[in-house]
């Protein structure tokens, strides 16, 4: 069977495809049942704290970083 693309064409095509992004959200709950929400300056709604996991970062490390930010 003849491949549709050469190896180089396949590599270039894959490099042009969007990459999957992983995001994290953190639920912080007080002893009396209150949940922390934040209001980002770039969105109109309140949300759980969180964000995007950066390249080479674990989801747990991203969650910690996002809470600090």
N, C-alpha and C. Protein backbone atom coordinates (compact mmCIF):
# COMPACT_ATOMS: atom_id res chain seq x y z
N UNK A 1 0.84 -1.17 0.00
CA UNK A 1 0.00 0.00 0.00
C UNK A 1 0.89 1.25 0.00
N UNK A 2 0.59 2.18 -0.87
CA UNK A 2 1.36 3.41 -0.97
C UNK A 2 0.83 4.44 0.02
N UNK A 3 1.72 5.05 0.82
CA UNK A 3 1.24 6.06 1.77
C UNK A 3 0.74 7.30 1.04
N UNK A 4 -0.19 8.01 1.67
CA UNK A 4 -0.72 9.23 1.07
C UNK A 4 0.29 10.36 1.10
N UNK A 5 1.10 10.39 2.15
CA UNK A 5 2.08 11.45 2.33
C UNK A 5 3.46 10.84 2.49
N UNK A 6 4.47 11.63 2.14
CA UNK A 6 5.82 11.22 2.47
C UNK A 6 6.00 11.43 3.98
N UNK A 7 7.04 10.90 4.53
CA UNK A 7 7.30 11.11 5.96
C UNK A 7 7.44 12.59 6.28
N UNK A 8 8.10 13.35 5.43
CA UNK A 8 8.28 14.78 5.64
C UNK A 8 6.94 15.51 5.57
N UNK A 9 6.10 15.17 4.60
CA UNK A 9 4.78 15.79 4.49
C UNK A 9 3.94 15.47 5.73
N UNK A 10 4.03 14.24 6.21
CA UNK A 10 3.29 13.84 7.40
C UNK A 10 3.77 14.64 8.61
N UNK A 11 5.07 14.80 8.76
CA UNK A 11 5.63 15.56 9.88
C UNK A 11 5.16 17.01 9.83
N UNK A 12 5.20 17.61 8.63
CA UNK A 12 4.76 18.99 8.49
C UNK A 12 3.26 19.13 8.79
N UNK A 13 2.47 18.20 8.30
CA UNK A 13 1.02 18.25 8.55
C UNK A 13 0.74 18.16 10.04
N UNK A 14 1.40 17.22 10.73
CA UNK A 14 1.19 17.07 12.17
C UNK A 14 1.62 18.32 12.94
N UNK A 15 2.70 18.96 12.51
CA UNK A 15 3.19 20.17 13.20
C UNK A 15 2.20 21.32 13.06
N UNK A 16 1.42 21.33 11.98
CA UNK A 16 0.45 22.40 11.76
C UNK A 16 -0.87 22.20 12.50
N UNK A 17 -1.10 21.00 13.01
CA UNK A 17 -2.36 20.72 13.70
C UNK A 17 -2.37 21.36 15.08
N UNK A 18 -3.55 21.74 15.53
CA UNK A 18 -3.63 22.35 16.86
C UNK A 18 -3.25 21.32 17.91
N UNK A 19 -2.62 21.82 18.95
CA UNK A 19 -2.19 20.96 20.04
C UNK A 19 -3.30 20.89 21.08
N UNK A 20 -3.41 19.76 21.73
CA UNK A 20 -4.38 19.64 22.80
C UNK A 20 -3.87 20.42 24.00
N UNK A 21 -4.78 21.14 24.61
CA UNK A 21 -4.44 21.89 25.81
C UNK A 21 -5.13 21.24 26.99
N UNK A 22 -4.44 21.20 28.08
CA UNK A 22 -5.00 20.64 29.31
C UNK A 22 -5.22 21.80 30.26
N UNK A 23 -6.38 21.83 30.88
CA UNK A 23 -6.68 22.86 31.85
C UNK A 23 -6.96 22.26 33.21
N UNK A 24 -6.83 23.07 34.23
CA UNK A 24 -7.13 22.63 35.58
C UNK A 24 -8.10 23.62 36.23
N UNK A 25 -8.93 23.11 37.10
CA UNK A 25 -9.80 23.92 37.95
C UNK A 25 -9.59 23.41 39.36
N UNK A 26 -9.66 24.31 40.34
CA UNK A 26 -9.41 23.94 41.72
C UNK A 26 -10.63 24.32 42.56
N UNK A 27 -11.11 23.37 43.34
CA UNK A 27 -12.20 23.64 44.26
C UNK A 27 -11.62 23.83 45.65
N UNK A 28 -11.78 25.04 46.18
CA UNK A 28 -11.31 25.36 47.52
C UNK A 28 -12.56 25.59 48.36
N UNK A 29 -12.74 24.73 49.37
CA UNK A 29 -13.95 24.78 50.18
C UNK A 29 -13.57 25.02 51.64
N UNK A 30 -14.22 26.00 52.27
CA UNK A 30 -13.94 26.28 53.68
C UNK A 30 -14.67 25.28 54.58
N UNK A 31 -14.32 25.29 55.84
CA UNK A 31 -14.93 24.34 56.78
C UNK A 31 -16.44 24.59 56.94
N UNK A 32 -16.88 25.81 56.63
CA UNK A 32 -18.32 26.09 56.73
C UNK A 32 -19.04 25.94 55.39
N UNK A 33 -18.37 25.34 54.40
CA UNK A 33 -19.02 24.99 53.14
C UNK A 33 -18.95 26.04 52.04
N UNK A 34 -18.28 27.15 52.27
CA UNK A 34 -18.15 28.18 51.23
C UNK A 34 -17.10 27.74 50.21
N UNK A 35 -17.37 28.06 48.93
CA UNK A 35 -16.46 27.69 47.84
C UNK A 35 -15.86 28.97 47.26
N UNK A 36 -14.54 28.94 47.04
CA UNK A 36 -13.83 30.08 46.46
C UNK A 36 -14.14 30.17 44.98
N UNK A 37 -14.56 31.36 44.53
CA UNK A 37 -14.70 31.64 43.10
C UNK A 37 -13.95 32.94 42.83
N UNK A 38 -13.53 33.12 41.59
CA UNK A 38 -12.78 34.30 41.19
C UNK A 38 -13.46 34.95 39.99
N UNK A 39 -13.24 36.23 39.83
CA UNK A 39 -13.78 36.95 38.67
C UNK A 39 -12.61 37.45 37.83
N UNK A 40 -12.27 36.71 36.77
CA UNK A 40 -11.17 37.13 35.91
C UNK A 40 -11.48 38.47 35.24
N UNK A 41 -10.46 39.26 35.00
CA UNK A 41 -10.66 40.55 34.34
C UNK A 41 -11.03 40.39 32.87
N UNK A 42 -10.75 39.23 32.29
CA UNK A 42 -10.98 39.01 30.86
C UNK A 42 -12.25 38.21 30.57
N UNK A 43 -13.07 37.91 31.60
CA UNK A 43 -14.31 37.16 31.40
C UNK A 43 -15.42 37.82 32.22
N UNK A 44 -16.66 37.73 31.74
CA UNK A 44 -17.75 38.39 32.46
C UNK A 44 -18.33 37.59 33.62
N UNK A 45 -17.89 36.38 33.84
CA UNK A 45 -18.51 35.53 34.85
C UNK A 45 -17.53 35.12 35.95
N UNK A 46 -18.09 34.76 37.10
CA UNK A 46 -17.31 34.21 38.21
C UNK A 46 -17.00 32.75 37.89
N UNK A 47 -15.82 32.29 38.30
CA UNK A 47 -15.39 30.92 37.98
C UNK A 47 -14.56 30.34 39.11
N UNK A 48 -14.38 29.02 39.05
CA UNK A 48 -13.42 28.37 39.94
C UNK A 48 -12.02 28.79 39.50
N UNK A 49 -11.07 28.92 40.44
CA UNK A 49 -9.71 29.24 40.03
C UNK A 49 -9.14 28.11 39.17
N UNK A 50 -8.32 28.48 38.21
CA UNK A 50 -7.71 27.48 37.36
C UNK A 50 -7.07 28.11 36.14
N UNK A 51 -6.60 27.26 35.24
CA UNK A 51 -5.97 27.76 34.03
C UNK A 51 -5.37 26.63 33.22
N UNK A 52 -4.46 26.97 32.34
CA UNK A 52 -3.86 26.04 31.40
C UNK A 52 -2.60 25.41 32.00
N UNK A 53 -2.44 24.12 31.78
CA UNK A 53 -1.22 23.41 32.17
C UNK A 53 -0.14 23.74 31.13
N UNK A 54 0.97 24.27 31.59
CA UNK A 54 2.04 24.65 30.67
C UNK A 54 2.86 23.43 30.25
N UNK A 55 3.56 23.55 29.14
CA UNK A 55 4.39 22.46 28.61
C UNK A 55 5.37 21.99 29.67
N UNK A 56 5.40 20.69 29.93
CA UNK A 56 6.31 20.10 30.89
C UNK A 56 5.84 20.19 32.33
N UNK A 57 4.68 20.77 32.56
CA UNK A 57 4.16 20.96 33.91
C UNK A 57 3.10 19.89 34.20
N UNK A 58 3.08 19.39 35.42
CA UNK A 58 2.06 18.42 35.80
C UNK A 58 0.77 19.17 36.14
N UNK A 59 -0.38 18.52 36.00
CA UNK A 59 -1.64 19.17 36.40
C UNK A 59 -1.62 19.63 37.86
N UNK A 60 -1.02 18.85 38.74
CA UNK A 60 -0.95 19.22 40.15
C UNK A 60 -0.13 20.50 40.33
N UNK A 61 1.01 20.59 39.65
CA UNK A 61 1.85 21.78 39.74
C UNK A 61 1.12 22.99 39.14
N UNK A 62 0.38 22.78 38.06
CA UNK A 62 -0.39 23.86 37.43
C UNK A 62 -1.47 24.37 38.39
N UNK A 63 -2.13 23.47 39.08
CA UNK A 63 -3.17 23.86 40.04
C UNK A 63 -2.57 24.72 41.15
N UNK A 64 -1.43 24.31 41.67
CA UNK A 64 -0.76 25.09 42.71
C UNK A 64 -0.37 26.48 42.19
N UNK A 65 0.19 26.51 40.98
CA UNK A 65 0.61 27.79 40.40
C UNK A 65 -0.59 28.70 40.18
N UNK A 66 -1.67 28.15 39.64
CA UNK A 66 -2.86 28.95 39.38
C UNK A 66 -3.46 29.51 40.67
N UNK A 67 -3.42 28.74 41.75
CA UNK A 67 -3.92 29.26 43.02
C UNK A 67 -3.07 30.43 43.51
N UNK A 68 -1.76 30.34 43.29
CA UNK A 68 -0.88 31.44 43.71
C UNK A 68 -1.11 32.68 42.87
N UNK A 69 -1.39 32.47 41.59
CA UNK A 69 -1.61 33.61 40.69
C UNK A 69 -2.91 34.28 41.04
